[in-house]
Protein backbone atom coordinates (compact mmCIF):
# COMPACT_ATOMS: atom_id res chain seq x y z
CA MET A 1 -16.53 0.11 21.38
CA ASP A 2 -17.96 2.89 23.59
CA THR A 3 -14.75 3.16 25.75
CA PRO A 4 -11.91 5.58 24.70
CA LEU A 5 -9.09 3.71 22.70
CA HIS A 6 -6.31 4.09 25.18
CA THR A 7 -4.29 0.92 24.87
CA ILE A 8 -3.54 -0.07 21.31
CA ALA A 9 -1.50 -2.96 19.91
CA VAL A 10 0.44 -2.58 16.56
CA VAL A 11 1.06 -5.98 15.07
CA GLY A 12 3.96 -5.89 12.57
CA LEU A 13 6.86 -3.50 13.39
CA GLY A 14 8.14 -2.83 10.06
CA THR A 15 8.54 0.82 8.68
CA MET A 16 4.83 1.42 8.74
CA GLY A 17 4.09 -0.25 11.98
CA THR A 18 6.90 1.40 13.75
CA GLY A 19 5.77 4.81 12.44
CA ILE A 20 2.24 4.17 13.63
CA ALA A 21 3.64 3.10 17.09
CA GLU A 22 5.45 6.42 17.39
CA VAL A 23 2.53 8.53 16.48
CA LEU A 24 0.44 6.64 19.29
CA ALA A 25 3.08 6.72 21.86
CA ARG A 26 3.81 10.27 21.47
CA ALA A 27 0.04 11.13 21.59
CA GLY A 28 -0.13 9.57 25.04
CA ARG A 29 -1.61 6.01 24.24
CA GLU A 30 -0.13 2.85 25.81
CA VAL A 31 1.27 1.04 22.79
CA ILE A 32 1.87 -2.70 22.67
CA GLY A 33 4.19 -3.50 19.65
CA ILE A 34 4.14 -6.94 18.61
CA ASP A 35 6.41 -8.75 16.02
CA ILE A 36 7.67 -12.34 15.81
CA SER A 37 11.12 -10.94 14.82
CA ASP A 38 13.09 -9.74 17.93
CA ALA A 39 15.36 -7.81 15.73
CA ALA A 40 12.27 -5.95 14.19
CA ALA A 41 11.27 -4.86 17.72
CA ARG A 42 14.75 -3.65 18.68
CA ARG A 43 14.79 -1.70 15.51
CA ALA A 44 11.34 -0.20 16.22
CA VAL A 45 12.49 0.71 19.77
CA THR A 46 15.79 2.25 18.51
CA ALA A 47 13.79 4.32 15.89
CA LEU A 48 11.45 5.72 18.44
CA GLU A 49 14.55 6.59 20.75
CA ALA A 50 16.19 8.41 17.79
CA SER A 51 13.25 10.20 16.55
CA THR A 52 12.39 11.39 20.23
CA ALA A 53 15.90 12.48 20.78
CA ARG A 54 15.70 14.66 17.72
CA ALA A 55 12.51 16.18 18.86
CA VAL A 56 14.07 17.13 22.17
CA GLU A 57 17.11 18.81 20.19
CA ARG A 58 14.61 20.68 18.38
CA GLU A 59 12.75 21.68 21.46
CA ARG A 60 9.41 19.96 20.18
CA MET A 61 9.36 17.95 23.35
CA THR A 62 10.98 18.08 26.78
CA GLU A 63 13.30 15.32 27.95
CA GLU A 64 10.47 14.20 30.48
CA GLU A 65 8.00 13.83 27.65
CA ARG A 66 10.56 11.82 25.77
CA ARG A 67 10.94 9.49 28.70
CA ASN A 68 7.33 9.23 29.16
CA THR A 69 6.63 8.44 25.41
CA LEU A 70 9.52 5.64 25.45
CA ALA A 71 7.80 4.26 28.60
CA ARG A 72 4.49 3.99 26.87
CA PHE A 73 5.98 1.64 24.06
CA ARG A 74 6.46 -1.99 25.10
CA THR A 75 7.41 -4.77 22.51
CA PHE A 76 6.44 -8.44 22.54
CA SER A 77 6.66 -11.51 20.30
CA ASP A 78 3.28 -13.06 21.17
CA LEU A 79 -0.07 -12.07 20.14
CA GLN A 80 -1.20 -12.66 23.63
CA ALA A 81 0.13 -9.32 24.58
CA ALA A 82 -2.95 -7.86 22.67
CA ALA A 83 -5.24 -9.15 25.17
CA ASP A 84 -6.07 -5.95 27.00
CA ALA A 85 -5.94 -3.71 23.86
CA ASP A 86 -8.85 -1.48 23.03
CA LEU A 87 -7.72 -1.35 19.40
CA VAL A 88 -5.36 -3.75 17.50
CA ILE A 89 -3.80 -2.32 14.23
CA GLU A 90 -2.40 -5.01 11.93
CA VAL A 91 0.51 -4.11 9.71
CA VAL A 92 1.94 -7.27 8.47
CA SER A 93 2.98 -8.27 4.81
CA GLU A 94 0.33 -7.51 2.12
CA SER A 95 -1.13 -10.84 1.74
CA TYR A 96 -4.61 -12.45 2.48
CA GLU A 97 -3.01 -15.49 4.08
CA ALA A 98 -0.61 -13.57 6.54
CA LYS A 99 -3.41 -11.12 7.51
CA GLN A 100 -6.00 -13.90 7.79
CA GLN A 101 -3.79 -15.64 10.23
CA VAL A 102 -3.47 -12.67 12.45
CA PHE A 103 -7.04 -11.93 12.65
CA ARG A 104 -8.09 -15.66 13.38
CA ALA A 105 -5.45 -15.48 16.18
CA LEU A 106 -6.70 -12.32 17.57
CA ASP A 107 -10.37 -13.67 17.64
CA THR A 108 -9.08 -15.90 20.40
CA VAL A 109 -7.10 -13.20 22.20
CA VAL A 110 -8.92 -9.98 22.46
CA ARG A 111 -11.65 -9.08 24.51
CA PRO A 112 -15.25 -8.84 22.79
CA GLY A 113 -15.33 -5.01 22.72
CA ALA A 114 -11.86 -4.39 20.97
CA ILE A 115 -11.61 -3.08 17.54
CA LEU A 116 -9.50 -4.76 14.96
CA ALA A 117 -8.13 -2.68 12.19
CA THR A 118 -6.06 -3.57 8.95
CA GLY A 119 -3.48 -1.27 7.69
CA THR A 120 -3.89 -2.73 4.11
CA ASN A 121 -3.99 -0.58 1.09
CA ALA A 122 -4.74 -3.20 -1.46
CA LEU A 123 -6.60 -6.13 0.08
CA SER A 124 -10.48 -6.24 0.69
CA VAL A 125 -11.30 -5.37 4.11
CA THR A 126 -14.76 -7.06 3.66
CA ARG A 127 -13.03 -10.42 2.94
CA LEU A 128 -10.67 -10.00 6.04
CA ALA A 129 -13.78 -9.25 8.16
CA ALA A 130 -15.54 -11.98 6.88
CA ASP A 131 -13.14 -14.46 8.25
CA SER A 132 -13.29 -12.99 11.68
CA GLU A 133 -15.73 -14.35 14.44
CA HIS A 134 -16.88 -10.65 14.97
CA PRO A 135 -16.94 -9.05 11.35
CA GLU A 136 -18.70 -5.99 12.92
CA ARG A 137 -15.53 -4.77 14.76
CA VAL A 138 -13.17 -5.04 11.79
CA LEU A 139 -12.42 -2.08 9.63
CA GLY A 140 -9.41 -0.55 7.69
CA LEU A 141 -7.18 2.18 9.09
CA HIS A 142 -4.83 3.21 6.47
CA PHE A 143 -1.95 5.48 7.50
CA PHE A 144 0.43 6.97 5.03
CA ASN A 145 4.26 6.63 4.91
CA PRO A 146 6.00 8.27 6.95
CA ALA A 147 3.22 7.96 9.52
CA PRO A 148 4.54 10.56 11.84
CA ALA A 149 4.76 13.19 9.22
CA MET A 150 1.73 12.43 6.86
CA LYS A 151 -1.67 13.82 8.03
CA LEU A 152 -4.15 11.67 6.22
CA VAL A 153 -5.72 8.44 7.58
CA GLU A 154 -8.36 6.68 5.37
CA VAL A 155 -10.92 5.04 7.70
CA VAL A 156 -12.29 2.01 5.67
CA SER A 157 -15.56 0.33 6.49
CA SER A 158 -17.16 -2.69 4.96
CA VAL A 159 -20.89 -3.62 4.68
CA LEU A 160 -20.30 -5.51 7.92
CA THR A 161 -18.53 -2.73 10.15
CA ALA A 162 -20.42 -1.49 13.03
CA PRO A 163 -20.84 2.43 12.81
CA ALA A 164 -19.68 2.85 16.42
CA ALA A 165 -16.28 1.10 15.59
CA VAL A 166 -15.87 3.64 12.69
CA GLU A 167 -16.65 6.60 14.96
CA ALA A 168 -14.33 5.53 17.73
CA VAL A 169 -11.28 5.26 15.31
CA THR A 170 -12.37 8.35 13.62
CA VAL A 171 -12.30 10.22 16.82
CA LEU A 172 -8.86 8.60 17.62
CA ALA A 173 -7.45 9.92 14.26
CA ARG A 174 -8.49 13.33 14.99
CA GLU A 175 -7.04 13.08 18.54
CA LEU A 176 -3.64 11.94 16.96
CA GLY A 177 -3.59 15.20 14.95
CA LYS A 178 -4.58 13.39 11.69
CA GLU A 179 -7.17 14.09 9.12
CA PRO A 180 -9.70 11.18 8.89
CA VAL A 181 -11.40 10.35 5.46
CA ALA A 182 -14.24 7.93 5.40
CA VAL A 183 -14.17 5.57 2.35
CA GLY A 184 -15.76 2.49 1.21
CA ASP A 185 -14.00 -0.84 0.84
CA ARG A 186 -12.39 -1.16 -2.65
CA PRO A 187 -8.63 -1.64 -3.54
CA GLY A 188 -6.44 1.39 -3.18
CA PHE A 189 -9.22 3.39 -1.49
CA VAL A 190 -9.10 7.13 -2.42
CA ALA A 191 -5.49 8.19 -2.34
CA ASP A 192 -3.66 5.16 -3.62
CA GLY A 193 -6.70 4.41 -5.94
CA LEU A 194 -5.67 7.55 -7.87
CA LEU A 195 -1.96 7.47 -7.15
CA PHE A 196 -1.32 3.94 -8.33
CA GLY A 197 -2.97 4.31 -11.69
CA TYR A 198 -0.74 7.44 -12.31
CA LEU A 199 2.39 5.62 -11.12
CA ASN A 200 1.54 2.64 -13.48
CA GLN A 201 1.10 4.76 -16.44
CA ALA A 202 4.56 6.47 -15.74
CA ALA A 203 6.16 3.06 -15.44
CA ALA A 204 4.59 2.19 -18.80
CA MET A 205 5.71 5.27 -20.54
CA TYR A 206 9.24 4.60 -19.34
CA GLU A 207 8.99 1.03 -20.44
CA ALA A 208 7.97 2.29 -23.94
CA LYS A 209 11.17 4.34 -24.12
CA TYR A 210 9.03 7.40 -24.58
CA ALA A 211 11.10 9.44 -22.25
CA SER A 212 13.90 8.96 -19.81
CA ARG A 213 13.28 8.14 -16.01
CA GLU A 214 14.82 11.55 -15.28
CA ASP A 215 12.67 13.50 -17.84
CA ILE A 216 9.48 11.84 -16.59
CA ASP A 217 10.45 12.51 -12.95
CA ALA A 218 11.42 16.18 -13.70
CA ALA A 219 8.30 16.80 -15.75
CA MET A 220 5.77 15.77 -12.93
CA LYS A 221 7.80 17.58 -10.21
CA LEU A 222 8.33 20.89 -12.29
CA GLY A 223 5.09 20.76 -14.35
CA CYS A 224 2.76 19.78 -11.45
CA GLY A 225 4.49 20.86 -8.34
CA LEU A 226 4.72 17.32 -6.95
CA PRO A 227 7.39 16.57 -4.22
CA MET A 228 8.73 13.38 -6.02
CA GLY A 229 8.55 12.12 -9.54
CA PRO A 230 6.56 8.92 -10.22
CA LEU A 231 9.46 6.58 -10.97
CA ALA A 232 11.41 7.70 -7.83
CA LEU A 233 8.11 7.43 -5.79
CA LEU A 234 7.86 3.75 -7.09
CA ASP A 235 11.23 3.01 -5.74
CA LEU A 236 10.33 4.56 -2.35
CA ILE A 237 7.03 2.59 -1.99
CA GLY A 238 8.60 -0.67 -3.19
CA ILE A 239 8.01 -1.93 -6.75
CA ASP A 240 6.75 -5.25 -5.45
CA THR A 241 4.19 -3.33 -3.18
CA ALA A 242 3.18 -1.21 -6.25
CA ARG A 243 2.53 -4.42 -8.21
CA THR A 244 0.38 -5.99 -5.49
CA VAL A 245 -1.76 -2.98 -5.15
CA LEU A 246 -2.37 -2.62 -8.85
CA ASP A 247 -3.07 -6.50 -9.29
CA ALA A 248 -5.81 -5.90 -6.53
CA MET A 249 -7.05 -2.81 -8.30
CA TYR A 250 -7.15 -4.63 -11.67
CA ALA A 251 -8.92 -7.64 -10.34
CA GLU A 252 -11.75 -5.44 -9.41
CA SER A 253 -11.87 -2.84 -12.01
CA ARG A 254 -10.63 -4.55 -14.98
CA ASP A 255 -9.38 -1.15 -16.23
CA ARG A 256 -6.31 -1.60 -18.50
CA LEU A 257 -4.90 1.56 -16.58
CA HIS A 258 -4.63 -0.59 -13.59
CA ALA A 259 -3.08 -3.73 -15.15
CA PRO A 260 0.54 -3.68 -13.90
CA ALA A 261 3.01 -2.43 -16.44
CA PRO A 262 5.17 -5.47 -17.44
CA ILE A 263 8.37 -3.72 -16.08
CA LEU A 264 6.97 -3.72 -12.68
CA LYS A 265 6.74 -7.51 -12.74
CA GLN A 266 10.16 -7.84 -14.25
CA LEU A 267 11.90 -5.55 -11.59
CA SER A 268 10.04 -7.31 -8.74
CA GLU A 269 10.92 -10.72 -9.77
CA ALA A 270 14.60 -9.73 -10.14
CA GLY A 271 14.63 -8.57 -6.81
CA LEU A 272 15.16 -4.92 -7.99
CA THR A 273 12.34 -3.61 -5.54
CA GLY A 274 13.54 0.10 -5.11
CA ARG A 275 15.30 1.68 -2.35
CA LYS A 276 14.86 -1.23 0.04
CA SER A 277 16.84 -3.42 -2.16
CA GLY A 278 19.22 -0.71 -3.40
CA ARG A 279 18.12 -0.72 -6.97
CA GLY A 280 14.75 -0.30 -8.85
CA PHE A 281 14.09 2.38 -11.39
CA TYR A 282 17.25 4.05 -10.19
CA THR A 283 20.37 2.77 -8.36
CA TYR A 284 21.01 3.61 -4.69
CA ALA A 285 24.32 3.99 -2.67
CA ALA A 286 23.02 1.12 -0.41
CA PRO A 287 19.83 -0.75 0.30
CA GLY A 288 17.56 1.37 2.28
CA THR A 289 18.85 4.84 1.46
CA GLY A 290 17.71 7.41 -0.92
CA ASP A 291 21.07 8.31 -2.24
CA VAL A 292 20.91 7.85 -6.05
CA VAL A 293 24.16 7.06 -7.66
CA PRO A 294 25.01 7.13 -11.27
CA ASP A 295 24.56 3.77 -13.48
CA ALA A 296 24.38 2.86 -17.01
CA LEU A 297 21.29 4.64 -17.69
CA THR A 298 22.43 8.00 -16.17
CA PRO A 299 22.36 10.68 -18.68
CA GLN A 300 26.01 11.97 -19.75
CA PRO A 301 26.98 15.66 -19.97
CA SER A 302 25.85 16.67 -23.49
CA ALA A 303 27.94 18.54 -25.90
CA GLU A 304 24.79 19.82 -27.72
CA ALA A 305 25.41 23.42 -26.89
CA SER A 306 28.02 23.61 -29.86
CA GLY A 307 25.67 21.76 -32.37
CA GLY A 308 22.84 24.13 -32.25
CA ARG A 309 21.90 27.17 -34.49
CA GLU A 310 22.55 30.63 -33.12
CA VAL A 311 19.67 32.50 -31.70
CA ARG A 312 19.73 36.24 -31.00
CA SER A 313 16.11 37.31 -31.66
CA VAL A 314 12.91 35.48 -30.92
CA GLY A 315 9.28 36.04 -32.38
CA VAL A 316 6.29 35.32 -30.15
CA ALA A 317 3.02 34.99 -31.96
CA GLY A 318 -0.13 35.65 -29.92
CA SER A 319 -1.48 38.17 -27.51
CA GLY A 320 -2.83 36.08 -24.60
CA THR A 321 -1.61 35.10 -21.32
CA MET A 322 0.67 32.46 -22.44
CA ALA A 323 2.22 34.55 -25.17
CA SER A 324 2.87 37.42 -23.05
CA GLY A 325 4.33 35.28 -20.50
CA ILE A 326 6.72 33.48 -22.93
CA ALA A 327 7.84 36.97 -24.47
CA GLU A 328 8.65 38.09 -20.85
CA VAL A 329 10.65 34.95 -20.31
CA PHE A 330 12.88 35.51 -23.35
CA ALA A 331 13.27 39.25 -22.76
CA LYS A 332 14.33 38.73 -19.16
CA ALA A 333 16.96 36.49 -20.36
CA GLY A 334 18.51 38.90 -22.84
CA TYR A 335 16.84 38.13 -26.14
CA ASP A 336 15.30 40.61 -28.44
CA VAL A 337 11.63 39.62 -28.74
CA VAL A 338 8.99 40.66 -31.49
CA LEU A 339 5.66 40.21 -29.94
CA ALA A 340 3.10 39.94 -32.80
CA ALA A 341 -0.71 39.75 -32.54
CA ARG A 342 -3.63 40.27 -34.88
CA GLY A 343 -3.33 44.24 -34.99
CA LEU A 344 -0.91 46.59 -33.19
CA GLU A 345 -3.27 47.41 -30.25
CA LYS A 346 -3.55 43.76 -29.18
CA ALA A 347 0.23 43.47 -29.26
CA GLU A 348 0.73 46.64 -27.27
CA THR A 349 -1.98 45.52 -24.55
CA ALA A 350 0.10 42.33 -24.31
CA LYS A 351 3.32 44.38 -23.61
CA LEU A 352 1.33 46.36 -20.93
CA ARG A 353 0.53 43.08 -19.33
CA ILE A 354 4.30 42.24 -19.40
CA ALA A 355 5.03 45.69 -17.94
CA LYS A 356 2.50 45.03 -15.01
CA SER A 357 4.09 41.71 -14.49
CA LEU A 358 7.56 43.05 -14.28
CA SER A 359 6.46 45.90 -11.94
CA ARG A 360 5.29 43.14 -9.44
CA SER A 361 8.58 41.47 -9.55
CA VAL A 362 10.17 44.84 -8.87
CA ASP A 363 7.76 45.49 -5.87
CA LYS A 364 8.84 41.94 -4.59
CA GLY A 365 12.41 42.62 -4.89
CA ARG A 366 12.98 40.10 -7.50
CA MET A 367 14.48 42.53 -10.09
CA THR A 368 15.44 46.19 -10.16
CA ALA A 369 13.64 49.03 -11.79
CA GLU A 370 16.36 49.46 -14.23
CA ALA A 371 16.31 45.75 -15.17
CA ARG A 372 12.58 46.18 -15.69
CA GLU A 373 13.15 49.10 -18.07
CA GLU A 374 15.96 47.05 -20.01
CA THR A 375 13.63 44.20 -20.31
CA LEU A 376 10.74 46.10 -21.65
CA ALA A 377 13.00 47.69 -24.26
CA ARG A 378 13.89 44.42 -25.72
CA ILE A 379 10.19 43.73 -26.56
CA THR A 380 8.80 45.25 -29.81
CA PRO A 381 5.01 44.80 -30.29
CA ALA A 382 4.03 44.39 -34.02
CA GLY A 383 0.45 43.98 -35.63
CA SER A 384 1.58 41.41 -38.19
CA LEU A 385 3.77 38.39 -38.57
CA ASP A 386 5.83 40.30 -41.29
CA ALA A 387 7.73 41.46 -38.31
CA PHE A 388 9.23 37.75 -37.87
CA ALA A 389 11.24 38.17 -41.23
CA GLU A 390 14.60 38.27 -39.40
CA VAL A 391 13.96 36.33 -36.29
CA ASP A 392 16.15 33.30 -35.32
CA LEU A 393 13.35 31.50 -33.40
CA ALA A 394 9.55 31.85 -34.10
CA VAL A 395 7.29 30.63 -31.28
CA GLU A 396 3.58 30.51 -31.68
CA ALA A 397 1.02 30.65 -28.63
CA VAL A 398 -2.15 31.09 -30.34
CA ALA A 399 -5.48 29.44 -29.81
CA GLU A 400 -5.46 25.50 -29.35
CA ASP A 401 -6.92 24.84 -32.72
CA LEU A 402 -5.02 22.85 -35.29
CA GLU A 403 -6.51 24.68 -38.36
CA ILE A 404 -5.44 27.92 -36.82
CA LYS A 405 -2.02 26.70 -36.00
CA GLN A 406 -1.49 25.34 -39.55
CA GLN A 407 -2.42 28.49 -41.07
CA LEU A 408 -0.04 30.26 -38.99
CA PHE A 409 2.75 27.89 -39.64
CA ALA A 410 2.07 28.14 -43.43
CA THR A 411 2.41 31.87 -43.01
CA LEU A 412 5.79 31.59 -41.04
CA ASP A 413 7.07 29.46 -43.67
CA LYS A 414 6.81 32.21 -46.20
CA ILE A 415 7.96 35.06 -43.86
CA CYS A 416 10.89 33.69 -41.67
CA LYS A 417 14.29 33.47 -43.00
CA ALA A 418 15.94 30.21 -44.10
CA GLY A 419 17.43 28.55 -40.93
CA ALA A 420 14.96 29.92 -38.53
CA VAL A 421 13.54 27.68 -35.93
CA LEU A 422 9.74 27.30 -35.96
CA ALA A 423 8.09 26.25 -32.64
CA THR A 424 4.63 25.35 -31.32
CA THR A 425 3.49 25.70 -27.79
CA THR A 426 0.57 23.12 -28.23
CA SER A 427 -0.18 20.97 -25.31
CA SER A 428 -2.30 18.57 -26.97
CA LEU A 429 -2.06 18.77 -30.82
CA PRO A 430 0.33 16.84 -33.13
CA VAL A 431 3.55 18.90 -33.81
CA VAL A 432 3.94 17.03 -36.96
CA ALA A 433 0.72 18.41 -38.35
CA CYS A 434 2.06 21.89 -37.82
CA ALA A 435 5.46 20.93 -39.48
CA ARG A 436 3.65 19.46 -42.52
CA ALA A 437 2.07 22.89 -43.19
CA THR A 438 5.55 24.24 -44.10
CA SER A 439 8.01 23.34 -46.70
CA ARG A 440 10.69 22.95 -43.87
CA PRO A 441 9.16 20.49 -41.44
CA GLN A 442 12.90 19.58 -40.18
CA ASP A 443 12.92 23.24 -38.70
CA VAL A 444 9.64 22.67 -36.65
CA ILE A 445 9.55 21.35 -33.05
CA GLY A 446 7.32 21.67 -29.89
CA MET A 447 8.08 23.95 -27.04
CA HIS A 448 5.37 23.37 -24.48
CA PHE A 449 5.66 26.01 -21.76
CA PHE A 450 3.55 25.77 -18.58
CA ASN A 451 1.23 28.40 -17.35
CA PRO A 452 2.27 30.88 -16.00
CA ALA A 453 5.37 30.77 -18.14
CA PRO A 454 7.49 33.19 -16.05
CA ALA A 455 7.00 31.01 -12.85
CA MET A 456 7.00 27.53 -14.19
CA LYS A 457 10.39 25.90 -14.80
CA LEU A 458 9.52 23.26 -17.20
CA VAL A 459 9.55 23.13 -20.94
CA GLU A 460 8.54 19.89 -22.82
CA VAL A 461 10.71 19.67 -25.88
CA VAL A 462 8.81 17.84 -28.56
CA ARG A 463 10.57 16.33 -31.34
CA THR A 464 8.72 14.85 -34.38
CA VAL A 465 10.16 12.14 -36.66
CA LEU A 466 11.05 15.03 -39.10
CA THR A 467 12.86 17.42 -36.63
CA SER A 468 16.63 17.86 -37.30
CA ASP A 469 19.30 17.14 -34.68
CA ASP A 470 20.58 20.89 -34.82
CA VAL A 471 17.04 22.18 -34.32
CA HIS A 472 16.66 19.99 -31.22
CA ALA A 473 19.89 21.00 -30.05
CA THR A 474 19.06 24.54 -30.60
CA VAL A 475 15.93 24.50 -28.65
CA ARG A 476 17.24 22.62 -25.76
CA GLU A 477 20.10 25.24 -25.31
CA VAL A 478 17.74 28.00 -25.53
CA THR A 479 15.51 26.64 -22.97
CA THR A 480 18.38 26.34 -20.61
CA LYS A 481 19.65 29.76 -21.32
CA ILE A 482 16.05 31.13 -20.30
CA ARG A 483 16.52 29.21 -17.08
CA LYS A 484 13.91 26.72 -17.74
CA HIS A 485 14.45 22.69 -17.47
CA PRO A 486 13.89 21.02 -20.84
CA VAL A 487 12.65 17.45 -20.90
CA ASP A 488 12.42 15.53 -24.14
CA CYS A 489 9.57 13.66 -25.49
CA GLY A 490 8.01 12.39 -28.81
CA ASP A 491 5.19 13.84 -30.64
CA ARG A 492 2.12 12.19 -29.13
CA ALA A 493 -1.12 13.29 -27.31
CA GLY A 494 -0.44 14.77 -23.86
CA PHE A 495 3.47 14.54 -24.13
CA ILE A 496 4.59 13.65 -20.43
CA VAL A 497 2.75 15.86 -18.07
CA ASN A 498 -0.85 15.85 -19.57
CA ALA A 499 -0.57 12.19 -20.45
CA LEU A 500 -0.05 11.33 -16.89
CA LEU A 501 -1.99 14.11 -15.25
CA PHE A 502 -5.36 14.01 -16.96
CA PRO A 503 -6.12 10.23 -16.73
CA TYR A 504 -5.62 10.84 -13.03
CA LEU A 505 -8.05 13.68 -12.99
CA ASN A 506 -10.54 11.75 -15.15
CA ASN A 507 -10.43 8.95 -12.38
CA ALA A 508 -11.00 11.36 -9.55
CA ILE A 509 -14.31 12.50 -11.44
CA LYS A 510 -15.42 8.78 -11.71
CA MET A 511 -14.87 8.40 -8.01
CA VAL A 512 -17.40 11.27 -7.48
CA GLN A 513 -19.59 10.07 -10.21
CA GLU A 514 -19.80 6.57 -8.49
CA HIS A 515 -20.66 8.16 -5.15
CA TYR A 516 -17.66 6.53 -3.84
CA ALA A 517 -16.12 9.66 -2.08
CA THR A 518 -17.03 13.39 -1.94
CA LEU A 519 -15.00 16.10 -3.60
CA ASP A 520 -13.66 17.38 -0.44
CA ASP A 521 -12.45 13.95 0.92
CA ILE A 522 -10.70 13.34 -2.37
CA ASP A 523 -8.99 16.69 -2.57
CA THR A 524 -7.86 16.36 0.89
CA ALA A 525 -6.75 12.90 0.44
CA MET A 526 -4.58 13.73 -2.59
CA LYS A 527 -3.17 16.87 -0.83
CA LEU A 528 -2.47 14.97 2.64
CA GLY A 529 -1.76 11.50 1.36
CA GLY A 530 -0.02 12.23 -1.98
CA GLY A 531 1.56 15.54 -1.28
CA TYR A 532 -0.18 17.24 -4.13
CA PRO A 533 -0.13 21.02 -4.07
CA MET A 534 -3.80 21.06 -5.11
CA GLY A 535 -6.69 18.47 -5.09
CA PRO A 536 -7.98 17.24 -8.42
CA PHE A 537 -11.15 19.07 -8.22
CA GLU A 538 -9.36 22.34 -7.23
CA LEU A 539 -7.01 21.68 -10.10
CA LEU A 540 -9.78 21.00 -12.60
CA ASP A 541 -11.74 24.25 -11.76
CA VAL A 542 -8.59 26.28 -12.25
CA VAL A 543 -7.55 24.56 -15.51
CA GLY A 544 -11.04 24.95 -17.00
CA LEU A 545 -13.35 21.89 -17.43
CA ASP A 546 -13.73 22.71 -21.06
CA VAL A 547 -10.11 22.61 -21.49
CA SER A 548 -9.87 19.33 -19.40
CA LEU A 549 -12.49 17.72 -21.53
CA ALA A 550 -10.64 18.63 -24.80
CA ILE A 551 -7.51 17.11 -23.57
CA GLU A 552 -9.24 13.92 -22.38
CA LYS A 553 -10.73 13.67 -25.69
CA VAL A 554 -7.49 13.94 -27.47
CA LEU A 555 -5.82 11.33 -25.17
CA HIS A 556 -8.77 8.94 -25.82
CA ARG A 557 -8.69 9.45 -29.60
CA GLU A 558 -4.90 8.91 -29.72
CA PHE A 559 -4.53 5.79 -27.31
CA ARG A 560 -8.04 4.24 -27.86
CA ASP A 561 -8.06 2.94 -24.33
CA PRO A 562 -11.62 2.79 -22.85
CA GLY A 563 -10.21 3.68 -19.50
CA LEU A 564 -9.27 7.14 -20.98
CA ALA A 565 -12.93 7.96 -22.12
CA PRO A 566 -13.90 11.17 -20.49
CA ALA A 567 -16.21 10.73 -17.34
CA PRO A 568 -19.80 11.59 -18.34
CA LEU A 569 -19.96 13.95 -15.38
CA LEU A 570 -17.34 16.23 -16.83
CA GLU A 571 -19.12 16.21 -20.10
CA HIS A 572 -22.47 17.09 -18.42
CA LEU A 573 -20.82 20.06 -16.48
CA VAL A 574 -19.31 21.29 -19.68
CA ALA A 575 -22.47 21.02 -21.58
CA ALA A 576 -24.12 23.02 -18.85
CA GLY A 577 -21.58 25.71 -19.05
CA CYS A 578 -20.11 25.01 -15.68
CA LEU A 579 -16.45 25.31 -16.78
CA GLY A 580 -14.78 26.28 -13.39
CA ARG A 581 -13.59 29.40 -11.74
CA LYS A 582 -13.80 31.39 -15.06
CA THR A 583 -17.51 30.85 -15.14
CA GLY A 584 -18.00 31.01 -11.30
CA ARG A 585 -19.17 27.35 -11.35
CA GLY A 586 -17.55 24.11 -12.01
CA PHE A 587 -17.19 21.39 -9.44
CA ARG A 588 -17.74 24.10 -6.97
CA GLU A 589 -19.26 27.34 -6.96
CA TYR A 590 -17.20 30.60 -6.77
CA ALA A 591 -18.02 34.13 -5.79
CA ARG A 592 -18.35 36.31 -8.88
CA ARG A 593 -15.67 39.11 -9.00
């Protein structure tokens, strides 16, 4: 274990094994590729030839470097080829039987100082190590797909693993240009441990017919900045693989959030495993491709544009960041906007905030000075809701307090003209409770904008059991006209985005609380392994720990699932006044401005 890891065997030349072999060969290692299938070995060689040819075309490597890389990769069909390897990485099918068979055979082949690594993301490294003659040299080395592109590598040690083995593969990972994160042995480790719970909840949300697959995926991409929606990602990972990982996670945690959604079992057993089979949550042009083709569930073009009410003027109630952002969005789209606050001075201050925002857009070349003045001219500040008497659409963006919102809707009911649409921007409160504060609940709907409203493209359109069809059609049409993407969902806590996002954040807090991983390692893992724009603790400190706790409590109260109970660490930080960036301290400390 003290010698550099120069000769490395990769057992299993599927997609992941081939990717790992490419990373190693391009980094100057001698790579021994082993697979019982000659066809798999040929595909691996072809894949490496193609990827290195592309690298030469893009001037990322020379032709000589390409030849040397290809020469360093040799394929075999017998495990005896690993006899001289310093490190063996197995990436065979995700089953104990298959992996144990490989490890038992390797015990009789490799030299005593060689390190044996499993690429599992779901099975117990400790259990695999215990079956080896030398458990101290067995560890987990979890690459992410596609291995050449993804920077994260989780280095998984069991209670039996020698520190020297961990250090050796950690050094190797850094030399490969990867970011190693040290984690203990539990199913899913850090990244998949957080990711698969979220994916499972998305599958359950779809199975319950709460929202369409397209709306769930669009909501998480546009609302959270994720590179891919959860259902599309399940298709990419493989629905059978996801089910295996979740089964392993549930067996250990007994957390209902990890119990595989029944639809995952149904799809897996029907052979509808995602892209690799040509069909999963979506239908693909051919097995192995990512080209989605229409099927029976594909939404048809809607004729709702002609079924809604006419909206020419909009009232926005509130004077905070969200209210001014929403007013800016409507004014930029050409609507006349009344911006009402508790007092004319507050409304005028909100308009000044909009003016500064528009000036920044002018400075960045996103709009002309003339367009800025035209937009501002469409906004009329008002010190009372009485100014909403003639608006066609009233949007409230006041404090997230049900009693306050209900009082406001009761007032709107008296002031607004017949036929006006009344919308709430709540992110967690029941829309129907606002609707019942009026004599016209059929005219009330949720329009959940995301912060900052001018930049974020998503609007969750929340329909209650009382909302009329034409009000729903009106809000979808208006949302499109203001250049936002509407997604439909029912009136339940968290809607789509928060219902999927906050349990994931809560589970990240539990990992730290249980001393499984550090803040920095978890944030790094989710950014590099999951493609998240921010790690969970970065995001929690930006959102505000008090806001996050309030949403967690609402979700727990609504769904009554023990797994949704707020992590005690979050409650303790909020009680201590550590609310995130706004107070200078949350999970991390920040310089005071």
